[in-house]
Amino acid sequence: MIEFKDVSLVYPNGTQGLKNVNLKINQGEFVVIVGLSGAGKSTLIRSMNRLVTPTEGELLIDDQNILAYNQRKLRKLRTEVGMIFQNYNLVKRSTVMKNVISGRLGHSGTLKSVFNLFPKEDVSLAYRSLERVNIADKVYARADQLSGGQQQRVAIARVLTQQPKVILADEPVASLDPPTSHQVMTYLKKVNKEDNITTIVNLHFIDMAMEYADRIIGMRAGEVVFDGPASAVSEKTFEEIYGRKIREDDLVGGQDDE
């Protein structure tokens, strides 16, 4: 379980990233966070693996306050909390397999990776992860030879190879066309259900939030302004979260104005 207790974050320039956030996210939930750019979505997600560090409150993962972690404990945390980025974060000149098996780095160490000394079971795990997102045929291709959607599926396979307890996805489909976006979201949902991995996703797309989320959290100006099951969400809910009328094209997959 993940629990935010009165969590706030003020950046060095004085910007308030999070303000008195109180949340509980249960094991196996598929949570989508929505809100305008600058609402605090990325800050919220990135606090869960300490890519950013809240300045007040407690952030508990499995009853441990990760805000008190030293570097050794942080390294372990980041093997347990996997991250998927908007820009894929792959090593473009490396093969798909090398990118995916790098998910084992936190378990096996950097020296082994330099000499490609991963155990056979790690290689098998990486290949199975590629099969699960239907891209094993690209195992020897370079990452920069793949389309955006294929690269994001490789990023999902890398996280699967990490065998985390939690998957964080920060705008994972923002750079993709609608059909490819749905494909990526389908794989994330499939992994969530099959492996019971807690999955927390930032999205701009309202229709996708409605389609894939078990639970939707709405943010505005660093605060949680809505938290409830996707089944309870309506157009009016989104208008309250965004603080404005929702255009029809937003509801069918358009992005918000920045």
Protein backbone atom coordinates (compact mmCIF):
# COMPACT_ATOMS: atom_id res chain seq x y z
CA MET A 1 0.00 0.00 0.00
CA ILE A 2 1.08 3.58 -0.72
CA GLU A 3 0.01 6.31 1.68
CA PHE A 4 0.53 10.07 1.52
CA LYS A 5 0.16 11.79 4.90
CA ASP A 6 -0.04 15.60 4.67
CA VAL A 7 2.58 15.59 1.92
CA SER A 8 3.69 18.95 0.55
CA LEU A 9 6.52 19.88 -1.77
CA VAL A 10 7.92 23.34 -2.32
CA TYR A 11 10.59 23.62 -5.02
CA PRO A 12 13.72 25.75 -4.34
CA ASN A 13 12.28 28.56 -6.51
CA GLY A 14 9.23 28.72 -4.22
CA THR A 15 6.80 26.89 -6.52
CA GLN A 16 4.32 24.72 -4.62
CA GLY A 17 4.39 21.30 -6.33
CA LEU A 18 2.17 19.47 -3.81
CA LYS A 19 -0.05 20.85 -1.06
CA ASN A 20 -1.28 18.78 1.90
CA VAL A 21 -1.84 15.59 -0.10
CA ASN A 22 -3.53 12.72 1.74
CA LEU A 23 -4.04 9.53 -0.27
CA LYS A 24 -4.10 5.77 0.13
CA ILE A 25 -3.46 3.60 -2.92
CA ASN A 26 -4.10 -0.10 -2.40
CA GLN A 27 -2.24 -3.10 -3.76
CA GLY A 28 -3.25 -3.94 -7.33
CA GLU A 29 -5.20 -0.75 -8.09
CA PHE A 30 -5.03 0.86 -11.52
CA VAL A 31 -5.10 4.58 -10.75
CA VAL A 32 -5.16 7.38 -13.31
CA ILE A 33 -4.21 10.92 -12.29
CA VAL A 34 -5.70 13.76 -14.32
CA GLY A 35 -5.36 17.53 -14.30
CA LEU A 36 -4.03 20.41 -16.35
CA SER A 37 -0.30 20.84 -16.97
CA GLY A 38 1.25 22.23 -13.80
CA ALA A 39 -1.44 20.66 -11.60
CA GLY A 40 1.10 18.46 -9.79
CA LYS A 41 0.53 15.13 -11.56
CA SER A 42 4.18 14.47 -12.40
CA THR A 43 5.34 15.73 -9.03
CA LEU A 44 2.97 13.31 -7.30
CA ILE A 45 4.15 10.32 -9.34
CA ARG A 46 7.85 11.20 -9.10
CA SER A 47 7.67 11.56 -5.34
CA MET A 48 6.83 7.85 -5.08
CA ASN A 49 10.31 6.83 -6.19
CA ARG A 50 11.98 9.96 -4.84
CA LEU A 51 12.87 11.47 -8.22
CA VAL A 52 11.56 14.50 -6.37
CA THR A 53 11.52 14.73 -2.58
CA PRO A 54 8.57 16.21 -0.68
CA THR A 55 9.48 18.84 1.89
CA GLU A 56 6.77 18.00 4.44
CA GLY A 57 4.73 15.02 5.59
CA GLU A 58 5.21 11.27 5.30
CA LEU A 59 5.08 9.05 2.22
CA LEU A 60 4.68 5.41 3.18
CA ILE A 61 5.23 2.41 0.91
CA ASP A 62 4.53 -0.88 2.69
CA ASP A 63 4.46 1.07 5.96
CA GLN A 64 7.97 2.49 5.44
CA ASN A 65 8.45 6.26 5.21
CA ILE A 66 10.50 6.57 2.03
CA LEU A 67 11.22 10.25 2.72
CA ALA A 68 13.67 9.12 5.41
CA TYR A 69 15.56 6.71 3.11
CA ASN A 70 19.32 6.93 2.62
CA GLN A 71 20.96 6.20 -0.75
CA ARG A 72 21.22 2.44 -0.16
CA LYS A 73 17.52 2.17 0.69
CA LEU A 74 16.64 4.42 -2.25
CA ARG A 75 18.42 2.07 -4.66
CA LYS A 76 16.36 -0.83 -3.30
CA LEU A 77 13.16 1.24 -3.52
CA ARG A 78 13.82 1.93 -7.19
CA THR A 79 14.05 -1.79 -7.93
CA GLU A 80 10.58 -2.18 -6.40
CA VAL A 81 8.99 0.90 -8.00
CA GLY A 82 9.33 0.82 -11.79
CA MET A 83 8.99 3.93 -13.95
CA ILE A 84 7.75 4.44 -17.51
CA PHE A 85 8.46 7.84 -19.08
CA GLN A 86 6.80 9.88 -21.81
CA ASN A 87 10.02 9.87 -23.88
CA TYR A 88 10.60 6.09 -23.36
CA ASN A 89 14.05 6.63 -21.77
CA LEU A 90 15.70 3.91 -23.84
CA VAL A 91 19.36 3.71 -24.89
CA LYS A 92 18.68 4.39 -28.55
CA ARG A 93 21.86 2.79 -29.96
CA SER A 94 21.45 -0.41 -27.92
CA THR A 95 19.39 -3.43 -28.91
CA VAL A 96 15.91 -4.05 -27.60
CA MET A 97 17.24 -6.95 -25.49
CA LYS A 98 19.96 -4.81 -23.89
CA ASN A 99 17.38 -2.17 -23.03
CA VAL A 100 14.97 -4.68 -21.53
CA ILE A 101 17.51 -6.66 -19.55
CA SER A 102 18.75 -3.40 -18.01
CA GLY A 103 15.65 -3.78 -15.84
CA ARG A 104 17.73 -6.29 -13.87
CA LEU A 105 20.51 -3.76 -13.09
CA GLY A 106 19.19 -3.04 -9.62
CA HIS A 107 19.33 -6.75 -8.86
CA SER A 108 22.62 -7.76 -10.51
CA GLY A 109 24.82 -4.64 -10.48
CA THR A 110 26.50 -2.45 -13.09
CA LEU A 111 29.70 -4.50 -13.55
CA LYS A 112 27.80 -7.54 -14.82
CA SER A 113 25.90 -5.38 -17.28
CA VAL A 114 29.10 -3.88 -18.69
CA PHE A 115 30.32 -7.37 -19.61
CA ASN A 116 26.85 -8.72 -20.46
CA LEU A 117 27.12 -11.26 -17.66
CA PHE A 118 23.44 -11.52 -16.87
CA PRO A 119 22.32 -14.96 -15.63
CA LYS A 120 20.39 -17.11 -18.11
CA GLU A 121 17.24 -16.74 -16.01
CA ASP A 122 17.45 -12.94 -16.40
CA VAL A 123 17.77 -13.28 -20.18
CA SER A 124 14.78 -15.64 -20.21
CA LEU A 125 12.76 -13.21 -18.08
CA ALA A 126 13.58 -10.34 -20.44
CA TYR A 127 12.48 -12.38 -23.46
CA ARG A 128 9.23 -13.41 -21.76
CA SER A 129 8.59 -9.75 -20.95
CA LEU A 130 9.00 -8.87 -24.62
CA GLU A 131 6.59 -11.67 -25.55
CA ARG A 132 4.01 -10.30 -23.12
CA VAL A 133 3.89 -6.97 -24.97
CA ASN A 134 4.07 -8.69 -28.37
CA ILE A 135 7.41 -7.31 -29.51
CA ALA A 136 9.78 -10.28 -29.12
CA ASP A 137 10.35 -10.25 -32.91
CA LYS A 138 12.34 -7.00 -32.43
CA VAL A 139 14.71 -8.47 -29.84
CA TYR A 140 17.87 -7.74 -31.87
CA ALA A 141 16.73 -4.44 -33.39
CA ARG A 142 18.22 -1.18 -32.19
CA ALA A 143 15.84 0.93 -30.15
CA ASP A 144 16.16 3.87 -32.55
CA GLN A 145 14.83 1.68 -35.37
CA LEU A 146 11.46 1.31 -33.65
CA SER A 147 8.32 3.42 -33.82
CA GLY A 148 7.21 5.40 -30.77
CA GLY A 149 4.61 2.81 -29.81
CA GLN A 150 7.13 -0.02 -30.16
CA GLN A 151 9.62 1.89 -28.00
CA GLN A 152 7.01 2.36 -25.29
CA ARG A 153 6.24 -1.36 -25.35
CA VAL A 154 9.97 -2.03 -24.90
CA ALA A 155 9.87 0.33 -21.92
CA ILE A 156 6.98 -1.69 -20.45
CA ALA A 157 8.95 -4.92 -21.02
CA ARG A 158 11.94 -3.38 -19.24
CA VAL A 159 9.78 -2.55 -16.22
CA LEU A 160 8.32 -6.07 -16.22
CA THR A 161 11.86 -7.48 -16.22
CA GLN A 162 12.54 -5.38 -13.14
CA GLN A 163 9.71 -7.32 -11.36
CA PRO A 164 8.48 -4.30 -9.38
CA LYS A 165 5.68 -4.06 -6.83
CA VAL A 166 4.54 -0.72 -8.29
CA ILE A 167 4.57 0.71 -11.83
CA LEU A 168 4.53 4.49 -12.29
CA ALA A 169 3.80 5.83 -15.78
CA ASP A 170 4.30 9.56 -16.37
CA GLU A 171 2.28 10.60 -19.46
CA PRO A 172 3.19 7.31 -21.23
CA VAL A 173 1.01 7.97 -24.30
CA ALA A 174 1.38 11.75 -24.70
CA SER A 175 3.64 11.36 -27.76
CA LEU A 176 1.58 8.65 -29.46
CA ASP A 177 -1.35 8.63 -31.88
CA PRO A 178 -4.73 7.47 -30.49
CA PRO A 179 -4.70 3.83 -31.75
CA THR A 180 -1.13 3.32 -30.47
CA SER A 181 -2.03 5.00 -27.19
CA HIS A 182 -4.87 2.53 -26.64
CA GLN A 183 -2.52 -0.35 -27.43
CA VAL A 184 0.00 0.82 -24.81
CA MET A 185 -2.74 1.39 -22.22
CA THR A 186 -4.15 -2.08 -22.92
CA TYR A 187 -0.77 -3.66 -22.18
CA LEU A 188 -0.40 -1.66 -18.97
CA LYS A 189 -3.86 -2.73 -17.83
CA LYS A 190 -3.14 -6.36 -18.77
CA VAL A 191 0.06 -6.39 -16.69
CA ASN A 192 -1.76 -4.73 -13.81
CA LYS A 193 -4.47 -7.40 -13.75
CA GLU A 194 -2.32 -10.45 -14.48
CA ASP A 195 0.46 -9.62 -12.00
CA ASN A 196 -1.57 -7.58 -9.47
CA ILE A 197 0.99 -4.78 -9.77
CA THR A 198 -0.19 -1.43 -8.42
CA THR A 199 -0.17 0.89 -11.45
CA ILE A 200 -0.37 4.69 -11.32
CA VAL A 201 -0.62 6.59 -14.60
CA ASN A 202 -0.68 10.30 -15.46
CA LEU A 203 -2.92 11.03 -18.45
CA HIS A 204 -4.12 14.06 -20.39
CA PHE A 205 -6.72 12.03 -22.28
CA ILE A 206 -10.08 12.05 -20.55
CA ASP A 207 -11.62 9.18 -22.51
CA MET A 208 -8.66 6.94 -21.66
CA ALA A 209 -8.88 7.80 -17.99
CA MET A 210 -12.53 6.73 -18.07
CA GLU A 211 -11.83 3.55 -20.05
CA TYR A 212 -8.83 2.12 -18.20
CA ALA A 213 -8.84 3.44 -14.63
CA ASP A 214 -10.25 1.63 -11.63
CA ARG A 215 -9.92 4.93 -9.79
CA ILE A 216 -9.37 8.52 -10.88
CA ILE A 217 -7.52 11.17 -8.89
CA GLY A 218 -7.96 14.76 -10.03
CA MET A 219 -5.35 17.40 -9.21
CA ARG A 220 -5.33 21.17 -9.43
CA ALA A 221 -2.58 23.53 -8.18
CA GLY A 222 -0.83 20.74 -6.27
CA GLU A 223 -3.96 19.60 -4.42
CA VAL A 224 -6.16 16.54 -4.77
CA VAL A 225 -9.57 17.89 -5.78
CA PHE A 226 -11.21 14.58 -6.70
CA ASP A 227 -10.65 10.96 -5.70
CA GLY A 228 -13.13 8.26 -6.62
CA PRO A 229 -13.96 5.23 -8.74
CA ALA A 230 -13.98 5.74 -12.49
CA SER A 231 -17.60 4.58 -12.52
CA ALA A 232 -18.55 7.66 -10.47
CA VAL A 233 -16.93 10.15 -12.87
CA SER A 234 -18.94 12.33 -15.25
CA GLU A 235 -18.26 15.26 -17.55
CA LYS A 236 -19.19 17.54 -14.65
CA THR A 237 -16.49 15.89 -12.51
CA PHE A 238 -13.85 16.74 -15.10
CA GLU A 239 -15.14 20.30 -15.34
CA GLU A 240 -14.66 20.61 -11.59
CA ILE A 241 -11.14 19.10 -11.76
CA TYR A 242 -10.06 21.28 -14.68
CA GLY A 243 -11.91 24.37 -13.50
CA ARG A 244 -13.50 24.98 -16.87
CA LYS A 245 -15.91 23.59 -19.47
CA ILE A 246 -14.78 20.40 -21.21
CA ARG A 247 -14.95 20.56 -24.98
CA GLU A 248 -16.44 17.64 -26.89
CA ASP A 249 -13.09 16.81 -28.53
CA ASP A 250 -11.48 16.52 -25.08
CA LEU A 251 -13.98 13.81 -24.23
CA VAL A 252 -13.12 11.77 -27.30
CA GLY A 253 -9.37 11.89 -26.84
CA GLY A 254 -8.15 15.43 -27.51
CA GLN A 255 -5.52 17.02 -25.31
CA ASP A 256 -5.96 19.97 -23.00
CA ASP A 257 -4.65 23.36 -23.97
CA GLU A 258 -1.37 24.10 -22.24
